[in-house]
C-alpha atoms as a PDB file:
ATOM      1  CA  MET A   1     -95.598 -35.536   1.957  1.00  0.00           C
ATOM      2  CA  ALA A   2     -99.122 -34.260   2.615  1.00  0.00           C
ATOM      3  CA  GLY A   3     -99.650 -36.829   5.344  1.00  0.00           C
ATOM      4  CA  ALA A   4     -96.268 -36.441   6.998  1.00  0.00           C
ATOM      5  CA  SER A   5     -96.093 -35.191  10.555  1.00  0.00           C
ATOM      6  CA  LEU A   6     -94.248 -31.957  11.244  1.00  0.00           C
ATOM      7  CA  ARG A   7     -91.450 -33.933  12.938  1.00  0.00           C
ATOM      8  CA  GLN A   8     -91.054 -36.292   9.965  1.00  0.00           C
ATOM      9  CA  LEU A   9     -91.071 -33.374   7.568  1.00  0.00           C
ATOM     10  CA  ARG A  10     -88.382 -31.529   9.501  1.00  0.00           C
ATOM     11  CA  GLU A  11     -86.208 -34.644   9.633  1.00  0.00           C
ATOM     12  CA  SER A  12     -86.412 -35.042   5.850  1.00  0.00           C
ATOM     13  CA  LEU A  13     -85.499 -31.401   5.298  1.00  0.00           C
ATOM     14  CA  MET A  14     -82.448 -31.708   7.546  1.00  0.00           C
ATOM     15  CA  SER A  15     -80.949 -34.550   5.511  1.00  0.00           C
ATOM     16  CA  ARG A  16     -79.391 -32.189   2.962  1.00  0.00           C
ATOM     17  CA  LYS A  17     -77.058 -29.417   4.034  1.00  0.00           C
ATOM     18  CA  CYS A  18     -78.494 -25.923   3.568  1.00  0.00           C
ATOM     19  CA  THR A  19     -76.720 -22.588   4.039  1.00  0.00           C
ATOM     20  CA  GLU A  20     -78.181 -19.107   4.333  1.00  0.00           C
ATOM     21  CA  ILE A  21     -76.630 -16.711   1.814  1.00  0.00           C
ATOM     22  CA  THR A  22     -76.711 -12.932   1.421  1.00  0.00           C
ATOM     23  CA  LEU A  23     -76.027 -11.155  -1.867  1.00  0.00           C
ATOM     24  CA  GLU A  24     -75.272  -7.444  -1.468  1.00  0.00           C
ATOM     25  CA  THR A  25     -76.439  -5.526  -4.544  1.00  0.00           C
ATOM     26  CA  ARG A  26     -76.927  -1.891  -5.501  1.00  0.00           C
ATOM     27  CA  ASN A  27     -80.655  -2.417  -4.897  1.00  0.00           C
ATOM     28  CA  GLY A  28     -80.169  -3.840  -1.407  1.00  0.00           C
ATOM     29  CA  LYS A  29     -79.766  -7.245   0.164  1.00  0.00           C
ATOM     30  CA  ILE A  30     -81.008 -10.326  -1.679  1.00  0.00           C
ATOM     31  CA  ALA A  31     -81.177 -13.257   0.720  1.00  0.00           C
ATOM     32  CA  GLY A  32     -81.369 -16.900  -0.217  1.00  0.00           C
ATOM     33  CA  LEU A  33     -80.673 -20.538   0.531  1.00  0.00           C
ATOM     34  CA  HIS A  34     -77.857 -22.636  -0.928  1.00  0.00           C
ATOM     35  CA  TRP A  35     -77.837 -26.417  -1.224  1.00  0.00           C
ATOM     36  CA  PRO A  36     -74.544 -27.921  -2.492  1.00  0.00           C
ATOM     37  CA  ALA A  37     -74.818 -31.067  -4.561  1.00  0.00           C
ATOM     38  CA  ALA A  38     -74.084 -34.450  -3.018  1.00  0.00           C
ATOM     39  CA  SER A  39     -70.374 -34.694  -2.158  1.00  0.00           C
ATOM     40  CA  ALA A  40     -69.730 -37.471  -4.694  1.00  0.00           C
ATOM     41  CA  ILE A  41     -70.966 -35.335  -7.591  1.00  0.00           C
ATOM     42  CA  GLU A  42     -68.293 -33.650  -9.694  1.00  0.00           C
ATOM     43  CA  ASN A  43     -69.252 -30.552 -11.705  1.00  0.00           C
ATOM     44  CA  PRO A  44     -72.848 -30.455 -10.453  1.00  0.00           C
ATOM     45  CA  GLU A  45     -75.578 -28.794 -12.453  1.00  0.00           C
ATOM     46  CA  ARG A  46     -76.333 -25.294 -11.194  1.00  0.00           C
ATOM     47  CA  VAL A  47     -79.989 -24.478 -10.612  1.00  0.00           C
ATOM     48  CA  LEU A  48     -81.377 -21.060  -9.716  1.00  0.00           C
ATOM     49  CA  ALA A  49     -84.830 -21.389  -8.127  1.00  0.00           C
ATOM     50  CA  LEU A  50     -87.399 -18.576  -8.115  1.00  0.00           C
ATOM     51  CA  HIS A  51     -90.377 -18.699  -5.744  1.00  0.00           C
ATOM     52  CA  GLY A  52     -93.964 -17.559  -6.124  1.00  0.00           C
ATOM     53  CA  TRP A  53     -95.767 -14.400  -5.044  1.00  0.00           C
ATOM     54  CA  LEU A  54     -95.809 -13.962  -1.230  1.00  0.00           C
ATOM     55  CA  ASP A  55     -93.705 -17.147  -0.862  1.00  0.00           C
ATOM     56  CA  ASN A  56     -89.949 -17.305  -0.290  1.00  0.00           C
ATOM     57  CA  ALA A  57     -86.862 -19.447  -0.925  1.00  0.00           C
ATOM     58  CA  ALA A  58     -87.965 -22.017   1.672  1.00  0.00           C
ATOM     59  CA  SER A  59     -90.735 -23.180  -0.663  1.00  0.00           C
ATOM     60  CA  PHE A  60     -88.114 -25.321  -2.430  1.00  0.00           C
ATOM     61  CA  LYS A  61     -86.999 -27.166   0.723  1.00  0.00           C
ATOM     62  CA  PRO A  62     -89.148 -30.276   0.088  1.00  0.00           C
ATOM     63  CA  LEU A  63     -88.048 -30.436  -3.568  1.00  0.00           C
ATOM     64  CA  VAL A  64     -84.264 -30.222  -3.211  1.00  0.00           C
ATOM     65  CA  GLU A  65     -84.094 -33.690  -1.660  1.00  0.00           C
ATOM     66  CA  HIS A  66     -85.073 -35.063  -5.062  1.00  0.00           C
ATOM     67  CA  LEU A  67     -82.419 -33.143  -7.008  1.00  0.00           C
ATOM     68  CA  PRO A  68     -79.245 -34.491  -5.353  1.00  0.00           C
ATOM     69  CA  ALA A  69     -77.044 -34.013  -8.433  1.00  0.00           C
ATOM     70  CA  CYS A  70     -77.729 -30.272  -8.517  1.00  0.00           C
ATOM     71  CA  GLU A  71     -76.230 -27.298  -6.730  1.00  0.00           C
ATOM     72  CA  ILE A  72     -79.289 -25.185  -5.956  1.00  0.00           C
ATOM     73  CA  VAL A  73     -79.626 -21.544  -4.978  1.00  0.00           C
ATOM     74  CA  ALA A  74     -83.102 -20.250  -4.160  1.00  0.00           C
ATOM     75  CA  ILE A  75     -83.348 -16.492  -3.666  1.00  0.00           C
ATOM     76  CA  ASP A  76     -85.927 -14.411  -1.822  1.00  0.00           C
ATOM     77  CA  PHE A  77     -87.258 -11.760  -4.176  1.00  0.00           C
ATOM     78  CA  PRO A  78     -87.158  -8.198  -2.769  1.00  0.00           C
ATOM     79  CA  GLY A  79     -89.999  -7.662  -0.340  1.00  0.00           C
ATOM     80  CA  HIS A  80     -90.151 -11.391   0.426  1.00  0.00           C
ATOM     81  CA  GLY A  81     -88.525 -13.632   3.018  1.00  0.00           C
ATOM     82  CA  HIS A  82     -85.242 -12.224   4.369  1.00  0.00           C
ATOM     83  CA  SER A  83     -84.525  -9.870   1.451  1.00  0.00           C
ATOM     84  CA  ASP A  84     -84.734  -6.096   1.717  1.00  0.00           C
ATOM     85  CA  TRP A  85     -87.849  -4.217   0.715  1.00  0.00           C
ATOM     86  CA  ARG A  86     -87.588  -1.988  -2.330  1.00  0.00           C
ATOM     87  CA  ALA A  87     -86.644   1.599  -1.567  1.00  0.00           C
ATOM     88  CA  GLY A  88     -89.260   4.306  -1.851  1.00  0.00           C
ATOM     89  CA  LYS A  89     -93.019   4.034  -1.624  1.00  0.00           C
ATOM     90  CA  LEU A  90     -94.066   2.948  -5.118  1.00  0.00           C
ATOM     91  CA  TRP A  91     -95.172  -0.314  -6.711  1.00  0.00           C
ATOM     92  CA  TYR A  92     -93.219  -3.505  -7.262  1.00  0.00           C
ATOM     93  CA  HIS A  93     -93.007  -3.463 -11.056  1.00  0.00           C
ATOM     94  CA  PHE A  94     -92.900  -6.929 -12.572  1.00  0.00           C
ATOM     95  CA  VAL A  95     -89.981  -6.270 -14.937  1.00  0.00           C
ATOM     96  CA  ASP A  96     -87.813  -4.970 -12.072  1.00  0.00           C
ATOM     97  CA  TYR A  97     -87.370  -8.563 -10.909  1.00  0.00           C
ATOM     98  CA  LEU A  98     -85.242  -9.139 -14.007  1.00  0.00           C
ATOM     99  CA  GLU A  99     -82.605  -6.767 -12.676  1.00  0.00           C
ATOM    100  CA  ASP A 100     -82.692  -8.646  -9.370  1.00  0.00           C
ATOM    101  CA  LEU A 101     -81.871 -11.816 -11.303  1.00  0.00           C
ATOM    102  CA  SER A 102     -79.076 -10.063 -13.157  1.00  0.00           C
ATOM    103  CA  LEU A 103     -77.557  -8.759  -9.927  1.00  0.00           C
ATOM    104  CA  ALA A 104     -77.930 -12.106  -8.136  1.00  0.00           C
ATOM    105  CA  THR A 105     -76.317 -14.176 -10.885  1.00  0.00           C
ATOM    106  CA  ALA A 106     -73.469 -11.647 -11.154  1.00  0.00           C
ATOM    107  CA  GLN A 107     -72.842 -11.982  -7.409  1.00  0.00           C
ATOM    108  CA  LEU A 108     -72.922 -15.771  -7.686  1.00  0.00           C
ATOM    109  CA  GLY A 109     -70.587 -15.676 -10.662  1.00  0.00           C
ATOM    110  CA  TRP A 110     -72.909 -17.939 -12.663  1.00  0.00           C
ATOM    111  CA  LYS A 111     -72.606 -17.536 -16.433  1.00  0.00           C
ATOM    112  CA  LYS A 112     -74.702 -20.569 -17.448  1.00  0.00           C
ATOM    113  CA  PHE A 113     -77.288 -22.415 -15.367  1.00  0.00           C
ATOM    114  CA  HIS A 114     -80.679 -24.110 -15.212  1.00  0.00           C
ATOM    115  CA  LEU A 115     -83.628 -21.934 -14.182  1.00  0.00           C
ATOM    116  CA  LEU A 116     -86.522 -23.242 -12.086  1.00  0.00           C
ATOM    117  CA  GLY A 117     -89.548 -21.086 -11.306  1.00  0.00           C
ATOM    118  CA  HIS A 118     -92.869 -21.447  -9.534  1.00  0.00           C
ATOM    119  CA  SER A 119     -95.855 -19.185 -10.289  1.00  0.00           C
ATOM    120  CA  LEU A 120     -94.509 -15.582 -10.150  1.00  0.00           C
ATOM    121  CA  GLY A 121     -91.011 -17.065 -10.288  1.00  0.00           C
ATOM    122  CA  GLY A 122     -91.967 -19.073 -13.362  1.00  0.00           C
ATOM    123  CA  ALA A 123     -93.297 -15.992 -15.123  1.00  0.00           C
ATOM    124  CA  ILE A 124     -90.096 -14.077 -14.342  1.00  0.00           C
ATOM    125  CA  ALA A 125     -88.014 -17.068 -15.471  1.00  0.00           C
ATOM    126  CA  CYS A 126     -89.770 -16.983 -18.845  1.00  0.00           C
ATOM    127  CA  LEU A 127     -88.995 -13.282 -19.307  1.00  0.00           C
ATOM    128  CA  TRP A 128     -85.364 -13.914 -18.367  1.00  0.00           C
ATOM    129  CA  ALA A 129     -85.214 -16.776 -20.871  1.00  0.00           C
ATOM    130  CA  ALA A 130     -86.509 -14.435 -23.587  1.00  0.00           C
ATOM    131  CA  ALA A 131     -84.138 -11.600 -22.693  1.00  0.00           C
ATOM    132  CA  ARG A 132     -80.986 -13.574 -21.758  1.00  0.00           C
ATOM    133  CA  PRO A 133     -81.164 -16.851 -23.710  1.00  0.00           C
ATOM    134  CA  ALA A 134     -77.394 -17.432 -23.712  1.00  0.00           C
ATOM    135  CA  THR A 135     -77.356 -17.900 -19.928  1.00  0.00           C
ATOM    136  CA  LEU A 136     -79.672 -20.915 -19.777  1.00  0.00           C
ATOM    137  CA  GLN A 137     -79.198 -24.638 -20.165  1.00  0.00           C
ATOM    138  CA  SER A 138     -82.825 -25.458 -19.428  1.00  0.00           C
ATOM    139  CA  LEU A 139     -86.038 -23.983 -18.066  1.00  0.00           C
ATOM    140  CA  SER A 140     -88.388 -25.792 -15.652  1.00  0.00           C
ATOM    141  CA  ILE A 141     -91.666 -24.033 -14.907  1.00  0.00           C
ATOM    142  CA  ILE A 142     -94.272 -24.899 -12.273  1.00  0.00           C
ATOM    143  CA  GLU A 143     -97.578 -23.103 -12.982  1.00  0.00           C
ATOM    144  CA  GLY A 144     -96.166 -19.884 -14.377  1.00  0.00           C
ATOM    145  CA  LEU A 145     -95.628 -19.937 -18.149  1.00  0.00           C
ATOM    146  CA  GLY A 146     -95.299 -16.211 -18.805  1.00  0.00           C
ATOM    147  CA  PRO A 147     -96.777 -13.130 -17.150  1.00  0.00           C
ATOM    148  CA  LEU A 148    -100.336 -12.242 -16.239  1.00  0.00           C
ATOM    149  CA  THR A 149    -101.796 -10.099 -19.007  1.00  0.00           C
ATOM    150  CA  ASP A 150    -104.579  -7.609 -19.592  1.00  0.00           C
ATOM    151  CA  LYS A 151    -106.344  -6.085 -22.574  1.00  0.00           C
ATOM    152  CA  ALA A 152    -104.912  -2.834 -23.927  1.00  0.00           C
ATOM    153  CA  GLU A 153    -108.260  -1.087 -23.510  1.00  0.00           C
ATOM    154  CA  ASN A 154    -108.104  -1.684 -19.740  1.00  0.00           C
ATOM    155  CA  THR A 155    -104.883   0.329 -19.317  1.00  0.00           C
ATOM    156  CA  ALA A 156    -106.427   3.558 -18.004  1.00  0.00           C
ATOM    157  CA  GLN A 157    -108.721   1.723 -15.594  1.00  0.00           C
ATOM    158  CA  ARG A 158    -105.818  -0.371 -14.308  1.00  0.00           C
ATOM    159  CA  LEU A 159    -103.716   2.740 -13.688  1.00  0.00           C
ATOM    160  CA  GLY A 160    -106.548   4.340 -11.743  1.00  0.00           C
ATOM    161  CA  GLN A 161    -107.087   1.254  -9.594  1.00  0.00           C
ATOM    162  CA  ALA A 162    -103.368   0.969  -8.911  1.00  0.00           C
ATOM    163  CA  LEU A 163    -103.130   4.592  -7.862  1.00  0.00           C
ATOM    164  CA  SER A 164    -106.108   4.174  -5.525  1.00  0.00           C
ATOM    165  CA  SER A 165    -104.560   1.104  -3.907  1.00  0.00           C
ATOM    166  CA  LEU A 166    -101.284   2.984  -3.403  1.00  0.00           C
ATOM    167  CA  GLU A 167    -103.088   5.919  -1.791  1.00  0.00           C
ATOM    168  CA  SER A 168    -104.923   3.616   0.620  1.00  0.00           C
ATOM    169  CA  LEU A 169    -101.811   1.724   1.680  1.00  0.00           C
ATOM    170  CA  GLY A 170    -100.984   4.130   4.516  1.00  0.00           C
ATOM    171  CA  ASN A 171    -104.231   3.245   6.274  1.00  0.00           C
ATOM    172  CA  LYS A 172    -103.403  -0.456   6.563  1.00  0.00           C
ATOM    173  CA  GLN A 173    -101.821  -1.956   9.678  1.00  0.00           C
ATOM    174  CA  LEU A 174     -99.663  -5.064   9.781  1.00  0.00           C
ATOM    175  CA  ARG A 175    -101.488  -7.969  11.365  1.00  0.00           C
ATOM    176  CA  ILE A 176    -100.009  -9.229  14.639  1.00  0.00           C
ATOM    177  CA  PHE A 177    -100.100 -12.970  15.337  1.00  0.00           C
ATOM    178  CA  ASP A 178     -99.876 -14.449  18.818  1.00  0.00           C
ATOM    179  CA  SER A 179     -97.705 -17.311  17.580  1.00  0.00           C
ATOM    180  CA  ILE A 180     -96.005 -18.754  14.508  1.00  0.00           C
ATOM    181  CA  GLU A 181     -98.576 -21.536  14.599  1.00  0.00           C
ATOM    182  CA  GLN A 182    -101.424 -19.038  14.281  1.00  0.00           C
ATOM    183  CA  ALA A 183     -99.755 -17.444  11.244  1.00  0.00           C
ATOM    184  CA  ALA A 184     -99.213 -20.883   9.718  1.00  0.00           C
ATOM    185  CA  LEU A 185    -102.907 -21.684  10.122  1.00  0.00           C
ATOM    186  CA  VAL A 186    -103.841 -18.482   8.284  1.00  0.00           C
ATOM    187  CA  ARG A 187    -101.356 -19.207   5.495  1.00  0.00           C
ATOM    188  CA  ALA A 188    -102.561 -22.793   5.174  1.00  0.00           C
ATOM    189  CA  LYS A 189    -106.163 -21.683   4.766  1.00  0.00           C
ATOM    190  CA  SER A 190    -105.439 -18.877   2.294  1.00  0.00           C
ATOM    191  CA  GLY A 191    -103.036 -20.932   0.173  1.00  0.00           C
ATOM    192  CA  ASP A 192    -104.836 -24.294   0.230  1.00  0.00           C
ATOM    193  CA  LEU A 193    -101.751 -25.805   1.875  1.00  0.00           C
ATOM    194  CA  GLU A 194    -101.238 -28.480   4.485  1.00  0.00           C
ATOM    195  CA  LEU A 195    -100.255 -26.949   7.827  1.00  0.00           C
ATOM    196  CA  ASP A 196     -96.769 -28.499   7.854  1.00  0.00           C
ATOM    197  CA  LEU A 197     -96.031 -27.011   4.448  1.00  0.00           C
ATOM    198  CA  ALA A 198     -97.479 -23.623   5.343  1.00  0.00           C
ATOM    199  CA  ARG A 199     -95.206 -23.507   8.376  1.00  0.00           C
ATOM    200  CA  ILE A 200     -92.133 -23.929   6.126  1.00  0.00           C
ATOM    201  CA  LEU A 201     -93.113 -20.741   4.299  1.00  0.00           C
ATOM    202  CA  VAL A 202     -94.282 -18.823   7.346  1.00  0.00           C
ATOM    203  CA  GLU A 203     -91.131 -19.343   9.383  1.00  0.00           C
ATOM    204  CA  ARG A 204     -89.226 -17.366   6.734  1.00  0.00           C
ATOM    205  CA  SER A 205     -91.932 -14.716   6.339  1.00  0.00           C
ATOM    206  CA  LEU A 206     -92.283 -13.482   9.926  1.00  0.00           C
ATOM    207  CA  ASN A 207     -90.539 -10.927  12.130  1.00  0.00           C
ATOM    208  CA  PRO A 208     -90.994 -10.334  15.870  1.00  0.00           C
ATOM    209  CA  ALA A 209     -93.577  -7.593  16.324  1.00  0.00           C
ATOM    210  CA  ILE A 210     -92.222  -4.243  17.560  1.00  0.00           C
ATOM    211  CA  PRO A 211     -93.244  -3.548  20.217  1.00  0.00           C
ATOM    212  CA  GLY A 212     -93.945  -7.160  21.176  1.00  0.00           C
ATOM    213  CA  PRO A 213     -95.314  -9.580  21.937  1.00  0.00           C
ATOM    214  CA  GLY A 214     -96.270 -11.470  18.809  1.00  0.00           C
ATOM    215  CA  TRP A 215     -95.232 -11.827  15.183  1.00  0.00           C
ATOM    216  CA  CYS A 216     -95.907  -9.875  11.995  1.00  0.00           C
ATOM    217  CA  TRP A 217     -95.268 -10.529   8.318  1.00  0.00           C
ATOM    218  CA  SER A 218     -91.830  -9.604   7.019  1.00  0.00           C
ATOM    219  CA  THR A 219     -93.394  -9.327   3.556  1.00  0.00           C
ATOM    220  CA  ASP A 220     -93.661  -5.801   2.137  1.00  0.00           C
ATOM    221  CA  PRO A 221     -97.357  -4.753   2.143  1.00  0.00           C
ATOM    222  CA  ARG A 222     -96.790  -3.060  -1.232  1.00  0.00           C
ATOM    223  CA  LEU A 223     -96.745  -6.514  -2.806  1.00  0.00           C
ATOM    224  CA  MET A 224    -100.519  -6.519  -2.296  1.00  0.00           C
ATOM    225  CA  LEU A 225    -101.030  -3.371  -4.398  1.00  0.00           C
ATOM    226  CA  ASP A 226    -102.823  -3.497  -7.734  1.00  0.00           C
ATOM    227  CA  ASN A 227    -100.297  -3.661 -10.557  1.00  0.00           C
ATOM    228  CA  PRO A 228    -100.240  -0.417 -12.596  1.00  0.00           C
ATOM    229  CA  ASN A 229     -99.284  -2.126 -15.849  1.00  0.00           C
ATOM    230  CA  ARG A 230     -99.393  -5.526 -17.497  1.00  0.00           C
ATOM    231  CA  PHE A 231     -98.306  -6.978 -20.795  1.00  0.00           C
ATOM    232  CA  THR A 232    -100.975  -7.701 -23.376  1.00  0.00           C
ATOM    233  CA  GLU A 233    -101.432 -11.290 -24.520  1.00  0.00           C
ATOM    234  CA  PRO A 234     -99.818 -10.631 -27.937  1.00  0.00           C
ATOM    235  CA  GLN A 235     -96.774  -9.241 -26.113  1.00  0.00           C
ATOM    236  CA  ALA A 236     -96.675 -12.336 -23.895  1.00  0.00           C
ATOM    237  CA  LEU A 237     -96.805 -14.609 -26.954  1.00  0.00           C
ATOM    238  CA  SER A 238     -93.958 -12.649 -28.535  1.00  0.00           C
ATOM    239  CA  LEU A 239     -91.891 -13.204 -25.387  1.00  0.00           C
ATOM    240  CA  MET A 240     -92.702 -16.907 -25.336  1.00  0.00           C
ATOM    241  CA  ALA A 241     -91.607 -17.191 -28.962  1.00  0.00           C
ATOM    242  CA  ALA A 242     -88.230 -15.651 -28.037  1.00  0.00           C
ATOM    243  CA  ILE A 243     -87.431 -18.478 -25.593  1.00  0.00           C
ATOM    244  CA  THR A 244     -84.779 -20.803 -26.970  1.00  0.00           C
ATOM    245  CA  ALA A 245     -84.039 -22.852 -23.831  1.00  0.00           C
ATOM    246  CA  PRO A 246     -85.743 -26.273 -23.646  1.00  0.00           C
ATOM    247  CA  VAL A 247     -88.866 -25.899 -21.493  1.00  0.00           C
ATOM    248  CA  LEU A 248     -90.500 -28.317 -19.069  1.00  0.00           C
ATOM    249  CA  LEU A 249     -93.930 -27.221 -17.806  1.00  0.00           C
ATOM    250  CA  LEU A 250     -95.589 -28.786 -14.769  1.00  0.00           C
ATOM    251  CA  HIS A 251     -99.079 -27.844 -13.652  1.00  0.00           C
ATOM    252  CA  GLY A 252    -101.677 -29.051 -11.215  1.00  0.00           C
ATOM    253  CA  ASP A 253    -105.060 -30.594 -11.734  1.00  0.00           C
ATOM    254  CA  PRO A 254    -107.247 -28.631 -11.368  1.00  0.00           C
ATOM    255  CA  LEU A 255    -105.574 -25.573 -12.855  1.00  0.00           C
ATOM    256  CA  PRO A 256    -105.685 -22.409 -10.716  1.00  0.00           C
ATOM    257  CA  ASP A 257    -108.376 -19.871 -11.559  1.00  0.00           C
ATOM    258  CA  PHE A 258    -105.925 -17.267 -12.861  1.00  0.00           C
ATOM    259  CA  ILE A 259    -104.815 -19.500 -15.773  1.00  0.00           C
ATOM    260  CA  ASN A 260    -106.696 -19.061 -19.060  1.00  0.00           C
ATOM    261  CA  VAL A 261    -106.658 -22.509 -20.668  1.00  0.00           C
ATOM    262  CA  ALA A 262    -106.926 -21.282 -24.270  1.00  0.00           C
ATOM    263  CA  ALA A 263    -104.183 -18.692 -23.786  1.00  0.00           C
ATOM    264  CA  MET A 264    -101.987 -21.273 -22.055  1.00  0.00           C
ATOM    265  CA  LYS A 265    -102.223 -23.622 -25.036  1.00  0.00           C
ATOM    266  CA  GLU A 266    -101.080 -20.820 -27.324  1.00  0.00           C
ATOM    267  CA  ARG A 267     -98.162 -20.012 -25.028  1.00  0.00           C
ATOM    268  CA  ILE A 268     -97.107 -23.670 -24.898  1.00  0.00           C
ATOM    269  CA  THR A 269     -96.986 -23.703 -28.689  1.00  0.00           C
ATOM    270  CA  ALA A 270     -95.181 -20.350 -28.928  1.00  0.00           C
ATOM    271  CA  ALA A 271     -92.509 -21.376 -26.398  1.00  0.00           C
ATOM    272  CA  ARG A 272     -92.095 -24.783 -28.071  1.00  0.00           C
ATOM    273  CA  VAL A 273     -92.520 -26.453 -24.686  1.00  0.00           C
ATOM    274  CA  GLU A 274     -90.779 -29.809 -24.796  1.00  0.00           C
ATOM    275  CA  LYS A 275     -92.929 -31.589 -22.225  1.00  0.00           C
ATOM    276  CA  VAL A 276     -96.085 -30.796 -20.250  1.00  0.00           C
ATOM    277  CA  VAL A 277     -96.701 -32.767 -17.051  1.00  0.00           C
ATOM    278  CA  CYS A 278    -100.029 -32.651 -15.229  1.00  0.00           C
ATOM    279  CA  ILE A 279    -100.047 -33.768 -11.595  1.00  0.00           C
ATOM    280  CA  LYS A 280    -103.145 -34.130  -9.459  1.00  0.00           C
ATOM    281  CA  GLY A 281    -102.730 -31.431  -6.853  1.00  0.00           C
ATOM    282  CA  HIS A 282    -102.886 -27.755  -6.038  1.00  0.00           C
ATOM    283  CA  HIS A 283    -100.808 -24.700  -6.865  1.00  0.00           C
ATOM    284  CA  HIS A 284     -97.750 -25.573  -4.720  1.00  0.00           C
ATOM    285  CA  LEU A 285     -97.031 -28.841  -6.523  1.00  0.00           C
ATOM    286  CA  HIS A 286     -93.329 -28.776  -5.666  1.00  0.00           C
ATOM    287  CA  MET A 287     -94.191 -28.736  -1.970  1.00  0.00           C
ATOM    288  CA  GLN A 288     -97.136 -31.129  -1.966  1.00  0.00           C
ATOM    289  CA  HIS A 289     -95.680 -33.657  -4.424  1.00  0.00           C
ATOM    290  CA  PRO A 290     -91.910 -33.026  -4.345  1.00  0.00           C
ATOM    291  CA  GLN A 291     -90.908 -36.517  -5.471  1.00  0.00           C
ATOM    292  CA  ALA A 292     -93.106 -36.550  -8.583  1.00  0.00           C
ATOM    293  CA  VAL A 293     -92.059 -33.014  -9.488  1.00  0.00           C
ATOM    294  CA  GLY A 294     -88.415 -33.712  -8.687  1.00  0.00           C
ATOM    295  CA  VAL A 295     -88.277 -36.793 -10.923  1.00  0.00           C
ATOM    296  CA  GLU A 296     -89.466 -34.788 -13.926  1.00  0.00           C
ATOM    297  CA  ILE A 297     -87.155 -31.837 -13.285  1.00  0.00           C
ATOM    298  CA  ALA A 298     -84.142 -34.120 -12.697  1.00  0.00           C
ATOM    299  CA  LYS A 299     -84.767 -35.886 -16.036  1.00  0.00           C
ATOM    300  CA  HIS A 300     -85.085 -32.547 -17.824  1.00  0.00           C
ATOM    301  CA  ILE A 301     -81.862 -31.194 -16.315  1.00  0.00           C
ATOM    302  CA  ARG A 302     -79.927 -34.386 -17.053  1.00  0.00           C
ATOM    303  CA  LYS A 303     -80.947 -34.135 -20.685  1.00  0.00           C
ATOM    304  CA  TYR A 304     -79.347 -30.689 -20.931  1.00  0.00           C
ATOM    305  CA  GLN A 305     -76.481 -31.024 -18.498  1.00  0.00           C
ATOM    306  CA  GLN A 306     -72.981 -29.716 -19.117  1.00  0.00           C
ATOM    307  CA  GLY A 307     -71.195 -31.354 -22.027  1.00  0.00           C
END
């Protein structure tokens, strides 16, 4: 995939039907993408896919080709992609994403499903698995086994930093890009992504600048604020221990800087992770190596498919 031309990549993404969906909730519009399973598949496995921080539902486009037996819905979290921004002027609290999941699955009418998450989406998926275990058939995580944590003694300092970042937000201006290609180049450099892959994300993360010409991010700038609160590591381990769904964990080699190797080993044990797969690559494994990732996820889902 990394060496594919933009034309070849687009052709591969067009081979599976994809529909834009909109879920109207009390917290605003949650947008997403829906891929039905192959037409010959009866009673397909339902998969809800959750993207990473500053990404969007389109990040799963390369992967869905390798999960043909699954009906897949990938949502844009609030503040991302085509979804509404959160009301008000405060932070995006991590636990609030759980209500977004609750509202989205209620709108979809899904009572039981497989959950797939990347990075931020993986961390949220783990919290959902701990809080709503009866809804899940399986859990597939790509570089996001549980939330980011902090030491309890850093709480006051974190609150102060978060308040300062909120106060300074009004002074920041949205960057204007001359073209989608320019934005894709910036995203590729910042995310260690190939340009073709960065463009997949960027095309769903831009709005026409007002007044024009040019393009600006559709992403809510508040997503860049310092987080006012985090779980402690003991709390995270308690949440991991509450997960009863069978867990598949995929991670890249090398691991991203934000992952503490010792803490990750403890979380793997606490969550009773069934299988850990290491793939040579960077943070967006499901985009850079969709076939290898897809093979593992498909095997995991088949193992826990409907009876």
